[in-house]
Amino acid sequence: MEVAVLNIKGKETGRKAKLSDAVFGIEPNENALYLDVKQYLANQRQGTHKAKERAEIVGSTRKIKKQKGTGTARAGSIKSPIFKGGGRVFGPRPRNYSFKLNKNLKRLARKSALSLKAQSESLVVLEDFTFEAPRTKDFVGVLNALGLEGKKALFVLGDTNNNVYLSSRNLKGVEVVTNSELSTYKIMNANNVVLLEGSVEGIESNLSK
């Protein structure tokens, strides 16, 4: 698969980037996509929720009324869940929501996500660029030239570029990552994926193992 390489002004450079069909041209596996996105979202959950049950409530354990003859339900103590201020029945407890996925399945999910973007023509290859200093206005100019203003865009760099990252940090819906930080969720969450030339080789190397 060949894709035209654009410059930061949105014009074709005359060069073509060769994208591996084994990474960008496979039949997407929807189940792999679902599981990888589910794992990513599960890992974001802190799981620190907690409610006190009746054994953890501070209060008297005195039996507040006699067992029979009152015409109402029996009650052992003020900590009973049926009273205001009592414990909660089966309340939430701290837990870990993460779960394991095999590496091969996660690679398949990322390849499926990239292939979907390529099939929907939402994948752009951009020549490597940098800024002399962090400046949001310069990055906005790149977005406008590529027709991505107001859209969720994911920029994938070959190596860490602090000036490009800092220039994009204030923009809502725009994220800049390196090829080693690429995840299925980030790809699927973006309307458009912009690959810098230097990132293509790293992505194909990571996903063809």
N, C-alpha and C. Protein backbone atom coordinates (compact mmCIF):
# COMPACT_ATOMS: atom_id res chain seq x y z
N MET A 1 0.85 -1.19 0.00
CA MET A 1 0.00 0.00 0.00
C MET A 1 0.89 1.24 0.00
N GLU A 2 0.60 2.17 -0.90
CA GLU A 2 1.37 3.41 -0.99
C GLU A 2 0.47 4.60 -0.69
N VAL A 3 1.00 5.53 0.11
CA VAL A 3 0.25 6.71 0.50
C VAL A 3 1.11 7.94 0.22
N ALA A 4 0.50 8.98 -0.33
CA ALA A 4 1.24 10.21 -0.62
C ALA A 4 1.69 10.87 0.67
N VAL A 5 2.93 11.35 0.69
CA VAL A 5 3.48 12.05 1.86
C VAL A 5 3.18 13.54 1.72
N LEU A 6 2.56 14.11 2.74
CA LEU A 6 2.23 15.54 2.73
C LEU A 6 3.23 16.32 3.56
N ASN A 7 3.31 17.63 3.28
CA ASN A 7 4.12 18.50 4.13
C ASN A 7 3.19 19.23 5.11
N ILE A 8 3.77 20.07 5.97
CA ILE A 8 2.96 20.70 7.01
C ILE A 8 2.01 21.77 6.44
N LYS A 9 2.13 22.05 5.16
CA LYS A 9 1.20 22.98 4.51
C LYS A 9 0.06 22.24 3.82
N GLY A 10 0.05 20.90 3.97
CA GLY A 10 -1.02 20.10 3.39
C GLY A 10 -0.83 19.78 1.92
N LYS A 11 0.34 20.05 1.37
CA LYS A 11 0.62 19.79 -0.04
C LYS A 11 1.41 18.50 -0.20
N GLU A 12 1.23 17.83 -1.31
CA GLU A 12 1.98 16.61 -1.58
C GLU A 12 3.44 16.93 -1.86
N THR A 13 4.32 16.11 -1.30
CA THR A 13 5.75 16.33 -1.49
C THR A 13 6.27 15.64 -2.75
N GLY A 14 5.45 14.79 -3.35
CA GLY A 14 5.89 14.04 -4.52
C GLY A 14 6.45 12.67 -4.14
N ARG A 15 6.59 12.43 -2.85
CA ARG A 15 7.08 11.13 -2.38
C ARG A 15 5.92 10.25 -1.96
N LYS A 16 6.17 8.95 -1.96
CA LYS A 16 5.17 7.98 -1.52
C LYS A 16 5.72 7.19 -0.34
N ALA A 17 4.88 6.94 0.64
CA ALA A 17 5.27 6.11 1.78
C ALA A 17 4.69 4.71 1.57
N LYS A 18 5.53 3.70 1.67
CA LYS A 18 5.08 2.32 1.52
C LYS A 18 4.64 1.79 2.89
N LEU A 19 3.36 1.46 2.98
CA LEU A 19 2.81 0.92 4.22
C LEU A 19 2.61 -0.59 4.06
N SER A 20 3.08 -1.33 5.03
CA SER A 20 3.00 -2.79 4.97
C SER A 20 1.54 -3.26 5.01
N ASP A 21 1.18 -4.14 4.07
CA ASP A 21 -0.17 -4.70 4.07
C ASP A 21 -0.41 -5.59 5.28
N ALA A 22 0.66 -6.10 5.88
CA ALA A 22 0.52 -6.96 7.05
C ALA A 22 0.14 -6.16 8.30
N VAL A 23 0.30 -4.84 8.23
CA VAL A 23 -0.04 -3.97 9.37
C VAL A 23 -1.21 -3.05 9.04
N PHE A 24 -1.21 -2.49 7.84
CA PHE A 24 -2.21 -1.49 7.47
C PHE A 24 -3.27 -2.01 6.49
N GLY A 25 -3.18 -3.29 6.11
CA GLY A 25 -4.12 -3.80 5.11
C GLY A 25 -4.75 -5.13 5.46
N ILE A 26 -4.89 -5.43 6.75
CA ILE A 26 -5.47 -6.71 7.14
C ILE A 26 -7.00 -6.59 7.26
N GLU A 27 -7.67 -7.74 7.37
CA GLU A 27 -9.10 -7.75 7.64
C GLU A 27 -9.29 -7.47 9.13
N PRO A 28 -9.92 -6.36 9.51
CA PRO A 28 -10.03 -6.00 10.93
C PRO A 28 -10.76 -7.06 11.75
N ASN A 29 -10.24 -7.33 12.92
CA ASN A 29 -10.85 -8.29 13.84
C ASN A 29 -11.60 -7.51 14.92
N GLU A 30 -12.92 -7.50 14.84
CA GLU A 30 -13.73 -6.69 15.75
C GLU A 30 -13.63 -7.15 17.20
N ASN A 31 -13.52 -8.46 17.41
CA ASN A 31 -13.44 -8.96 18.78
C ASN A 31 -12.14 -8.54 19.45
N ALA A 32 -11.05 -8.57 18.68
CA ALA A 32 -9.76 -8.12 19.23
C ALA A 32 -9.81 -6.63 19.57
N LEU A 33 -10.44 -5.84 18.70
CA LEU A 33 -10.60 -4.40 18.97
C LEU A 33 -11.38 -4.18 20.26
N TYR A 34 -12.49 -4.92 20.41
CA TYR A 34 -13.34 -4.76 21.59
C TYR A 34 -12.57 -5.10 22.86
N LEU A 35 -11.85 -6.21 22.86
CA LEU A 35 -11.15 -6.64 24.07
C LEU A 35 -10.03 -5.68 24.45
N ASP A 36 -9.29 -5.18 23.45
CA ASP A 36 -8.18 -4.29 23.76
C ASP A 36 -8.68 -2.94 24.28
N VAL A 37 -9.75 -2.42 23.68
CA VAL A 37 -10.32 -1.16 24.17
C VAL A 37 -10.92 -1.36 25.56
N LYS A 38 -11.57 -2.49 25.78
CA LYS A 38 -12.14 -2.79 27.09
C LYS A 38 -11.05 -2.86 28.15
N GLN A 39 -9.92 -3.48 27.82
CA GLN A 39 -8.82 -3.56 28.79
C GLN A 39 -8.25 -2.18 29.09
N TYR A 40 -8.09 -1.34 28.06
CA TYR A 40 -7.55 0.00 28.26
C TYR A 40 -8.44 0.81 29.20
N LEU A 41 -9.76 0.76 28.97
CA LEU A 41 -10.69 1.51 29.81
C LEU A 41 -10.75 0.94 31.22
N ALA A 42 -10.65 -0.39 31.33
CA ALA A 42 -10.66 -1.02 32.66
C ALA A 42 -9.43 -0.61 33.47
N ASN A 43 -8.30 -0.47 32.77
CA ASN A 43 -7.07 -0.08 33.47
C ASN A 43 -7.10 1.36 33.96
N GLN A 44 -7.99 2.18 33.40
CA GLN A 44 -8.10 3.57 33.84
C GLN A 44 -8.90 3.70 35.13
N ARG A 45 -9.63 2.65 35.49
CA ARG A 45 -10.48 2.71 36.69
C ARG A 45 -9.62 2.53 37.94
N GLN A 46 -9.81 3.42 38.93
CA GLN A 46 -9.02 3.34 40.15
C GLN A 46 -9.48 2.21 41.05
N GLY A 47 -10.77 1.95 41.06
CA GLY A 47 -11.29 0.87 41.88
C GLY A 47 -11.19 1.14 43.37
N THR A 48 -11.21 2.43 43.77
CA THR A 48 -11.07 2.77 45.19
C THR A 48 -12.42 3.01 45.87
N HIS A 49 -13.52 2.66 45.18
CA HIS A 49 -14.85 2.87 45.76
C HIS A 49 -15.03 2.00 47.01
N LYS A 50 -15.71 2.55 48.01
CA LYS A 50 -15.90 1.82 49.27
C LYS A 50 -17.10 2.38 50.01
N ALA A 51 -17.94 1.48 50.53
CA ALA A 51 -19.04 1.87 51.41
C ALA A 51 -18.98 0.97 52.64
N LYS A 52 -19.36 1.52 53.78
CA LYS A 52 -19.29 0.75 55.02
C LYS A 52 -20.49 -0.18 55.15
N GLU A 53 -20.20 -1.42 55.49
CA GLU A 53 -21.27 -2.36 55.78
C GLU A 53 -21.54 -2.35 57.29
N ARG A 54 -22.53 -3.10 57.72
CA ARG A 54 -22.99 -2.97 59.10
C ARG A 54 -21.90 -3.29 60.13
N ALA A 55 -20.96 -4.16 59.77
CA ALA A 55 -19.90 -4.52 60.71
C ALA A 55 -18.88 -3.39 60.88
N GLU A 56 -18.88 -2.42 59.95
CA GLU A 56 -17.88 -1.35 59.99
C GLU A 56 -18.45 -0.04 60.53
N ILE A 57 -19.74 0.02 60.74
CA ILE A 57 -20.38 1.23 61.26
C ILE A 57 -20.07 1.38 62.75
N VAL A 58 -19.77 2.62 63.16
CA VAL A 58 -19.56 2.91 64.57
C VAL A 58 -20.92 3.17 65.22
N GLY A 59 -21.28 2.39 66.21
CA GLY A 59 -22.57 2.56 66.87
C GLY A 59 -22.79 1.48 67.90
N SER A 60 -23.82 1.63 68.67
CA SER A 60 -24.13 0.68 69.73
C SER A 60 -24.66 -0.62 69.14
N THR A 61 -24.34 -1.71 69.79
CA THR A 61 -24.87 -3.01 69.38
C THR A 61 -26.06 -3.42 70.26
N ARG A 62 -26.55 -2.47 71.05
CA ARG A 62 -27.71 -2.76 71.92
C ARG A 62 -28.92 -3.09 71.06
N LYS A 63 -29.67 -4.12 71.50
CA LYS A 63 -30.92 -4.45 70.80
C LYS A 63 -31.93 -3.35 71.11
N ILE A 64 -32.40 -2.65 70.08
CA ILE A 64 -33.15 -1.42 70.30
C ILE A 64 -34.62 -1.64 70.66
N LYS A 65 -35.13 -2.83 70.47
CA LYS A 65 -36.51 -3.12 70.88
C LYS A 65 -36.64 -4.63 71.05
N LYS A 66 -37.69 -5.04 71.70
CA LYS A 66 -37.86 -6.47 71.93
C LYS A 66 -38.15 -7.19 70.62
N GLN A 67 -37.86 -8.48 70.65
CA GLN A 67 -37.94 -9.28 69.42
C GLN A 67 -39.38 -9.39 68.91
N LYS A 68 -40.33 -9.59 69.78
CA LYS A 68 -41.71 -9.86 69.36
C LYS A 68 -42.68 -8.87 70.00
N GLY A 69 -43.86 -8.79 69.39
CA GLY A 69 -44.94 -8.03 69.98
C GLY A 69 -45.02 -6.57 69.58
N THR A 70 -44.10 -6.08 68.75
CA THR A 70 -44.14 -4.67 68.36
C THR A 70 -44.93 -4.44 67.08
N GLY A 71 -45.18 -5.50 66.33
CA GLY A 71 -45.91 -5.37 65.07
C GLY A 71 -45.03 -4.93 63.91
N THR A 72 -43.75 -4.73 64.16
CA THR A 72 -42.82 -4.33 63.09
C THR A 72 -41.73 -5.38 62.98
N ALA A 73 -40.88 -5.20 61.98
CA ALA A 73 -39.81 -6.17 61.75
C ALA A 73 -38.82 -6.16 62.91
N ARG A 74 -38.25 -7.32 63.19
CA ARG A 74 -37.26 -7.41 64.25
C ARG A 74 -36.01 -6.65 63.87
N ALA A 75 -35.31 -6.11 64.83
CA ALA A 75 -34.10 -5.34 64.55
C ALA A 75 -33.08 -5.60 65.66
N GLY A 76 -31.85 -5.90 65.26
CA GLY A 76 -30.82 -6.25 66.23
C GLY A 76 -30.11 -5.06 66.81
N SER A 77 -29.75 -4.07 65.97
CA SER A 77 -29.02 -2.90 66.46
C SER A 77 -29.26 -1.72 65.53
N ILE A 78 -28.82 -0.56 65.96
CA ILE A 78 -28.99 0.67 65.18
C ILE A 78 -28.16 0.65 63.91
N LYS A 79 -27.20 -0.29 63.83
CA LYS A 79 -26.33 -0.38 62.65
C LYS A 79 -26.98 -1.16 61.51
N SER A 80 -28.20 -1.64 61.74
CA SER A 80 -28.90 -2.42 60.71
C SER A 80 -29.12 -1.58 59.44
N PRO A 81 -29.01 -2.17 58.28
CA PRO A 81 -29.20 -1.43 57.01
C PRO A 81 -30.58 -0.81 56.85
N ILE A 82 -31.57 -1.24 57.63
CA ILE A 82 -32.92 -0.68 57.44
C ILE A 82 -33.08 0.67 58.15
N PHE A 83 -32.09 1.06 58.95
CA PHE A 83 -32.17 2.34 59.65
C PHE A 83 -31.27 3.39 58.99
N LYS A 84 -31.68 4.64 59.10
CA LYS A 84 -30.85 5.73 58.61
C LYS A 84 -29.52 5.75 59.36
N GLY A 85 -28.44 5.83 58.63
CA GLY A 85 -27.12 5.82 59.25
C GLY A 85 -26.57 4.43 59.45
N GLY A 86 -27.35 3.42 59.06
CA GLY A 86 -26.89 2.04 59.21
C GLY A 86 -25.95 1.66 58.07
N GLY A 87 -25.46 0.43 58.13
CA GLY A 87 -24.54 -0.05 57.09
C GLY A 87 -25.25 -0.29 55.77
N ARG A 88 -24.46 -0.34 54.72
CA ARG A 88 -25.02 -0.60 53.39
C ARG A 88 -24.96 -2.09 53.08
N VAL A 89 -26.01 -2.60 52.45
CA VAL A 89 -26.06 -4.01 52.10
C VAL A 89 -25.25 -4.26 50.83
N PHE A 90 -24.28 -5.14 50.91
CA PHE A 90 -23.44 -5.49 49.76
C PHE A 90 -22.88 -4.24 49.06
N GLY A 91 -22.31 -3.34 49.83
CA GLY A 91 -21.76 -2.10 49.27
C GLY A 91 -20.50 -2.37 48.46
N PRO A 92 -20.09 -1.39 47.65
CA PRO A 92 -18.88 -1.56 46.83
C PRO A 92 -17.62 -1.67 47.68
N ARG A 93 -16.69 -2.48 47.23
CA ARG A 93 -15.42 -2.66 47.92
C ARG A 93 -14.28 -2.38 46.94
N PRO A 94 -13.11 -1.96 47.44
CA PRO A 94 -11.97 -1.73 46.55
C PRO A 94 -11.63 -2.99 45.75
N ARG A 95 -11.38 -2.79 44.46
CA ARG A 95 -11.04 -3.94 43.61
C ARG A 95 -10.22 -3.49 42.42
N ASN A 96 -9.56 -4.43 41.81
CA ASN A 96 -8.73 -4.16 40.64
C ASN A 96 -9.48 -4.63 39.40
N TYR A 97 -9.73 -3.71 38.47
CA TYR A 97 -10.53 -4.03 37.28
C TYR A 97 -9.68 -4.55 36.11
N SER A 98 -8.38 -4.50 36.23
CA SER A 98 -7.52 -4.88 35.11
C SER A 98 -7.61 -6.38 34.83
N PHE A 99 -7.35 -6.75 33.58
CA PHE A 99 -7.31 -8.17 33.22
C PHE A 99 -6.26 -8.35 32.14
N LYS A 100 -5.84 -9.59 31.94
CA LYS A 100 -4.72 -9.90 31.06
C LYS A 100 -5.19 -10.18 29.63
N LEU A 101 -4.41 -9.70 28.67
CA LEU A 101 -4.61 -10.06 27.27
C LEU A 101 -3.27 -10.51 26.70
N ASN A 102 -3.31 -11.47 25.81
CA ASN A 102 -2.08 -11.93 25.18
C ASN A 102 -1.50 -10.86 24.25
N LYS A 103 -0.18 -10.86 24.13
CA LYS A 103 0.50 -9.87 23.29
C LYS A 103 0.07 -9.97 21.83
N ASN A 104 -0.10 -11.20 21.36
CA ASN A 104 -0.49 -11.38 19.96
C ASN A 104 -1.87 -10.79 19.69
N LEU A 105 -2.78 -10.92 20.65
CA LEU A 105 -4.11 -10.35 20.47
C LEU A 105 -4.05 -8.82 20.46
N LYS A 106 -3.21 -8.24 21.31
CA LYS A 106 -3.08 -6.78 21.36
C LYS A 106 -2.45 -6.26 20.07
N ARG A 107 -1.50 -6.99 19.51
CA ARG A 107 -0.92 -6.59 18.22
C ARG A 107 -1.98 -6.66 17.12
N LEU A 108 -2.77 -7.73 17.13
CA LEU A 108 -3.83 -7.87 16.14
C LEU A 108 -4.83 -6.72 16.25
N ALA A 109 -5.14 -6.31 17.48
CA ALA A 109 -6.09 -5.21 17.68
C ALA A 109 -5.54 -3.90 17.11
N ARG A 110 -4.26 -3.62 17.36
CA ARG A 110 -3.67 -2.38 16.84
C ARG A 110 -3.59 -2.40 15.31
N LYS A 111 -3.25 -3.55 14.75
CA LYS A 111 -3.22 -3.66 13.29
C LYS A 111 -4.62 -3.50 12.70
N SER A 112 -5.61 -4.06 13.39
CA SER A 112 -7.00 -3.93 12.93
C SER A 112 -7.44 -2.46 12.96
N ALA A 113 -7.05 -1.75 14.02
CA ALA A 113 -7.43 -0.34 14.15
C ALA A 113 -6.77 0.50 13.06
N LEU A 114 -5.49 0.26 12.80
CA LEU A 114 -4.79 1.00 11.74
C LEU A 114 -5.35 0.68 10.37
N SER A 115 -5.72 -0.59 10.15
CA SER A 115 -6.30 -0.99 8.87
C SER A 115 -7.66 -0.33 8.65
N LEU A 116 -8.45 -0.21 9.72
CA LEU A 116 -9.75 0.48 9.61
C LEU A 116 -9.56 1.93 9.22
N LYS A 117 -8.59 2.59 9.83
CA LYS A 117 -8.33 4.00 9.49
C LYS A 117 -7.86 4.13 8.05
N ALA A 118 -7.04 3.19 7.60
CA ALA A 118 -6.56 3.23 6.22
C ALA A 118 -7.70 3.00 5.24
N GLN A 119 -8.58 2.05 5.56
CA GLN A 119 -9.71 1.76 4.68
C GLN A 119 -10.68 2.93 4.57
N SER A 120 -10.84 3.68 5.68
CA SER A 120 -11.77 4.81 5.68
C SER A 120 -11.09 6.11 5.26
N GLU A 121 -9.85 6.00 4.78
CA GLU A 121 -9.07 7.17 4.32
C GLU A 121 -8.93 8.22 5.42
N SER A 122 -8.79 7.75 6.65
CA SER A 122 -8.59 8.65 7.78
C SER A 122 -7.15 8.61 8.27
N LEU A 123 -6.27 8.07 7.42
CA LEU A 123 -4.85 7.94 7.76
C LEU A 123 -4.04 8.85 6.85
N VAL A 124 -3.20 9.67 7.46
CA VAL A 124 -2.37 10.62 6.71
C VAL A 124 -0.91 10.39 7.07
N VAL A 125 -0.04 10.43 6.07
CA VAL A 125 1.40 10.36 6.32
C VAL A 125 1.98 11.74 6.09
N LEU A 126 2.66 12.26 7.10
CA LEU A 126 3.19 13.62 7.08
C LEU A 126 4.71 13.56 7.19
N GLU A 127 5.38 14.42 6.43
CA GLU A 127 6.84 14.43 6.54
C GLU A 127 7.25 14.91 7.94
N ASP A 128 8.40 14.44 8.40
CA ASP A 128 8.87 14.82 9.73
C ASP A 128 9.05 16.33 9.83
N PHE A 129 8.63 16.89 10.95
CA PHE A 129 8.78 18.34 11.15
C PHE A 129 9.04 18.61 12.62
N THR A 130 9.49 19.81 12.90
CA THR A 130 9.68 20.24 14.28
C THR A 130 9.48 21.75 14.34
N PHE A 131 9.41 22.29 15.53
CA PHE A 131 9.28 23.74 15.73
C PHE A 131 10.51 24.23 16.47
N GLU A 132 10.89 25.48 16.20
CA GLU A 132 12.05 26.05 16.89
C GLU A 132 11.78 26.23 18.38
N ALA A 133 10.52 26.49 18.69
CA ALA A 133 10.12 26.66 20.09
C ALA A 133 8.66 26.24 20.22
N PRO A 134 8.23 25.84 21.42
CA PRO A 134 6.82 25.45 21.60
C PRO A 134 5.89 26.63 21.32
N ARG A 135 4.98 26.44 20.39
CA ARG A 135 4.06 27.52 20.04
C ARG A 135 2.76 26.91 19.51
N THR A 136 1.69 27.08 20.24
CA THR A 136 0.41 26.48 19.88
C THR A 136 -0.08 26.97 18.52
N LYS A 137 0.18 28.23 18.22
CA LYS A 137 -0.27 28.81 16.96
C LYS A 137 0.32 28.06 15.76
N ASP A 138 1.58 27.64 15.88
CA ASP A 138 2.22 26.90 14.78
C ASP A 138 1.54 25.56 14.56
N PHE A 139 1.18 24.89 15.66
CA PHE A 139 0.53 23.59 15.53
C PHE A 139 -0.88 23.75 14.96
N VAL A 140 -1.58 24.81 15.34
CA VAL A 140 -2.90 25.09 14.78
C VAL A 140 -2.81 25.28 13.27
N GLY A 141 -1.73 25.91 12.84
CA GLY A 141 -1.52 26.10 11.40
C GLY A 141 -1.38 24.77 10.67
N VAL A 142 -0.70 23.81 11.29
CA VAL A 142 -0.57 22.47 10.69
C VAL A 142 -1.94 21.80 10.60
N LEU A 143 -2.73 21.90 11.68
CA LEU A 143 -4.08 21.31 11.68
C LEU A 143 -4.95 21.91 10.59
N ASN A 144 -4.91 23.21 10.46
CA ASN A 144 -5.73 23.89 9.44
C ASN A 144 -5.31 23.48 8.03
N ALA A 145 -4.00 23.33 7.83
CA ALA A 145 -3.49 22.96 6.50
C ALA A 145 -3.93 21.54 6.13
N LEU A 146 -4.06 20.68 7.15
CA LEU A 146 -4.47 19.29 6.89
C LEU A 146 -5.98 19.11 6.93
N GLY A 147 -6.71 20.19 7.24
CA GLY A 147 -8.17 20.12 7.31
C GLY A 147 -8.67 19.38 8.53
N LEU A 148 -7.92 19.47 9.62
CA LEU A 148 -8.28 18.74 10.84
C LEU A 148 -8.78 19.64 11.96
N GLU A 149 -9.04 20.90 11.66
CA GLU A 149 -9.52 21.79 12.71
C GLU A 149 -10.88 21.32 13.23
N GLY A 150 -11.03 21.30 14.54
CA GLY A 150 -12.28 20.87 15.15
C GLY A 150 -12.49 19.37 15.18
N LYS A 151 -11.49 18.59 14.76
CA LYS A 151 -11.61 17.13 14.76
C LYS A 151 -10.63 16.52 15.77
N LYS A 152 -10.96 15.32 16.21
CA LYS A 152 -10.02 14.60 17.06
C LYS A 152 -8.91 14.05 16.19
N ALA A 153 -7.68 14.42 16.51
CA ALA A 153 -6.54 13.99 15.69
C ALA A 153 -5.46 13.38 16.57
N LEU A 154 -4.87 12.29 16.08
CA LEU A 154 -3.77 11.62 16.78
C LEU A 154 -2.52 11.73 15.92
N PHE A 155 -1.49 12.40 16.43
CA PHE A 155 -0.21 12.53 15.73
C PHE A 155 0.76 11.52 16.33
N VAL A 156 1.37 10.72 15.46
CA VAL A 156 2.30 9.69 15.91
C VAL A 156 3.71 10.06 15.45
N LEU A 157 4.60 10.29 16.42
CA LEU A 157 5.98 10.67 16.14
C LEU A 157 6.89 9.45 16.16
N GLY A 158 8.01 9.57 15.43
CA GLY A 158 9.01 8.51 15.47
C GLY A 158 9.79 8.54 16.76
N ASP A 159 10.21 9.73 17.17
CA ASP A 159 10.96 9.92 18.42
C ASP A 159 10.31 11.06 19.20
N THR A 160 10.65 11.14 20.45
CA THR A 160 10.10 12.21 21.31
C THR A 160 10.52 13.57 20.77
N ASN A 161 9.55 14.46 20.61
CA ASN A 161 9.82 15.82 20.16
C ASN A 161 9.09 16.77 21.11
N ASN A 162 9.84 17.33 22.03
CA ASN A 162 9.25 18.13 23.09
C ASN A 162 8.52 19.36 22.56
N ASN A 163 9.08 20.02 21.56
CA ASN A 163 8.46 21.25 21.05
C ASN A 163 7.12 20.96 20.37
N VAL A 164 7.04 19.87 19.63
CA VAL A 164 5.77 19.50 18.99
C VAL A 164 4.75 19.10 20.04
N TYR A 165 5.19 18.32 21.03
CA TYR A 165 4.28 17.88 22.09
C TYR A 165 3.73 19.08 22.88
N LEU A 166 4.60 19.98 23.28
CA LEU A 166 4.16 21.14 24.07
C LEU A 166 3.27 22.07 23.26
N SER A 167 3.50 22.13 21.96
CA SER A 167 2.69 23.01 21.10
C SER A 167 1.27 22.50 20.96
N SER A 168 1.08 21.19 21.15
CA SER A 168 -0.25 20.61 20.96
C SER A 168 -1.00 20.42 22.27
N ARG A 169 -0.32 20.61 23.40
CA ARG A 169 -0.88 20.21 24.69
C ARG A 169 -2.14 20.98 25.06
N ASN A 170 -2.26 22.22 24.62
CA ASN A 170 -3.41 23.05 24.99
C ASN A 170 -4.62 22.86 24.07
N LEU A 171 -4.46 22.03 23.04
CA LEU A 171 -5.53 21.88 22.05
C LEU A 171 -6.44 20.71 22.40
N LYS A 172 -7.73 20.98 22.51
CA LYS A 172 -8.69 19.94 22.85
C LYS A 172 -8.87 18.99 21.67
N GLY A 173 -8.83 17.70 21.96
CA GLY A 173 -9.07 16.71 20.92
C GLY A 173 -7.84 16.33 20.13
N VAL A 174 -6.69 16.92 20.45
CA VAL A 174 -5.44 16.61 19.74
C VAL A 174 -4.49 15.91 20.70
N GLU A 175 -3.91 14.82 20.26
CA GLU A 175 -2.95 14.10 21.09
C GLU A 175 -1.72 13.75 20.27
N VAL A 176 -0.56 13.89 20.89
CA VAL A 176 0.71 13.57 20.24
C VAL A 176 1.38 12.46 21.03
N VAL A 177 1.69 11.34 20.36
CA VAL A 177 2.35 10.21 21.01
C VAL A 177 3.50 9.72 20.13
N THR A 178 4.39 8.93 20.71
CA THR A 178 5.43 8.27 19.91
C THR A 178 4.90 6.90 19.49
N ASN A 179 5.58 6.25 18.55
CA ASN A 179 5.08 4.97 18.05
C ASN A 179 5.02 3.89 19.12
N SER A 180 5.87 4.01 20.16
CA SER A 180 5.85 3.01 21.23
C SER A 180 4.69 3.23 22.20
N GLU A 181 4.05 4.41 22.17
CA GLU A 181 2.93 4.72 23.05
C GLU A 181 1.58 4.49 22.38
N LEU A 182 1.61 4.01 21.15
CA LEU A 182 0.38 3.84 20.38
C LEU A 182 -0.49 2.74 20.98
N SER A 183 -1.78 3.02 21.13
CA SER A 183 -2.71 2.02 21.66
C SER A 183 -3.94 1.96 20.77
N THR A 184 -4.65 0.84 20.86
CA THR A 184 -5.87 0.65 20.06
C THR A 184 -6.91 1.71 20.40
N TYR A 185 -7.06 2.00 21.69
CA TYR A 185 -8.06 2.99 22.11
C TYR A 185 -7.77 4.36 21.50
N LYS A 186 -6.50 4.79 21.54
CA LYS A 186 -6.16 6.11 21.01
C LYS A 186 -6.40 6.19 19.51
N ILE A 187 -6.13 5.09 18.81
CA ILE A 187 -6.36 5.07 17.36
C ILE A 187 -7.85 5.18 17.06
N MET A 188 -8.65 4.36 17.75
CA MET A 188 -10.08 4.32 17.48
C MET A 188 -10.79 5.58 17.98
N ASN A 189 -10.24 6.23 18.99
CA ASN A 189 -10.87 7.43 19.55
C ASN A 189 -10.66 8.65 18.67
N ALA A 190 -9.69 8.60 17.78
CA ALA A 190 -9.38 9.74 16.91
C ALA A 190 -10.16 9.66 15.60
N ASN A 191 -10.57 10.82 15.10
CA ASN A 191 -11.20 10.86 13.78
C ASN A 191 -10.17 10.63 12.68
N ASN A 192 -8.97 11.18 12.88
CA ASN A 192 -7.89 11.04 11.91
C ASN A 192 -6.59 10.71 12.61
N VAL A 193 -5.81 9.85 11.98
CA VAL A 193 -4.49 9.48 12.50
C VAL A 193 -3.43 10.02 11.54
N VAL A 194 -2.51 10.81 12.08
CA VAL A 194 -1.43 11.40 11.28
C VAL A 194 -0.12 10.74 11.66
N LEU A 195 0.46 10.01 10.73
CA LEU A 195 1.73 9.34 10.98
C LEU A 195 2.86 10.17 10.38
N LEU A 196 3.84 10.51 11.20
CA LEU A 196 5.02 11.15 10.65
C LEU A 196 5.89 10.08 9.99
N GLU A 197 6.60 10.46 8.96
CA GLU A 197 7.38 9.47 8.19
C GLU A 197 8.28 8.62 9.08
N GLY A 198 8.88 9.26 10.06
CA GLY A 198 9.81 8.54 10.93
C GLY A 198 9.15 7.53 11.83
N SER A 199 7.82 7.57 11.96
CA SER A 199 7.13 6.64 12.86
C SER A 199 6.70 5.36 12.16
N VAL A 200 6.61 5.39 10.83
CA VAL A 200 6.08 4.24 10.09
C VAL A 200 6.93 2.99 10.30
N GLU A 201 8.24 3.15 10.18
CA GLU A 201 9.13 2.00 10.34
C GLU A 201 9.02 1.41 11.75
N GLY A 202 8.95 2.29 12.77
CA GLY A 202 8.85 1.82 14.15
C GLY A 202 7.53 1.09 14.40
N ILE A 203 6.43 1.59 13.84
CA ILE A 203 5.13 0.94 14.01
C ILE A 203 5.15 -0.45 13.37
N GLU A 204 5.67 -0.54 12.14
CA GLU A 204 5.70 -1.82 11.47
C GLU A 204 6.62 -2.80 12.17
N SER A 205 7.69 -2.29 12.74
CA SER A 205 8.63 -3.16 13.48
C SER A 205 7.97 -3.68 14.76
N ASN A 206 7.24 -2.81 15.47
CA ASN A 206 6.60 -3.22 16.72
C ASN A 206 5.48 -4.22 16.49
N LEU A 207 4.76 -4.08 15.38
CA LEU A 207 3.58 -4.91 15.15
C LEU A 207 3.82 -6.14 14.28
N SER A 208 5.04 -6.31 13.81
CA SER A 208 5.33 -7.47 12.95
C SER A 208 6.15 -8.53 13.68
N LYS A 209 6.30 -8.37 15.00
CA LYS A 209 7.08 -9.33 15.78
C LYS A 209 6.30 -10.64 15.93
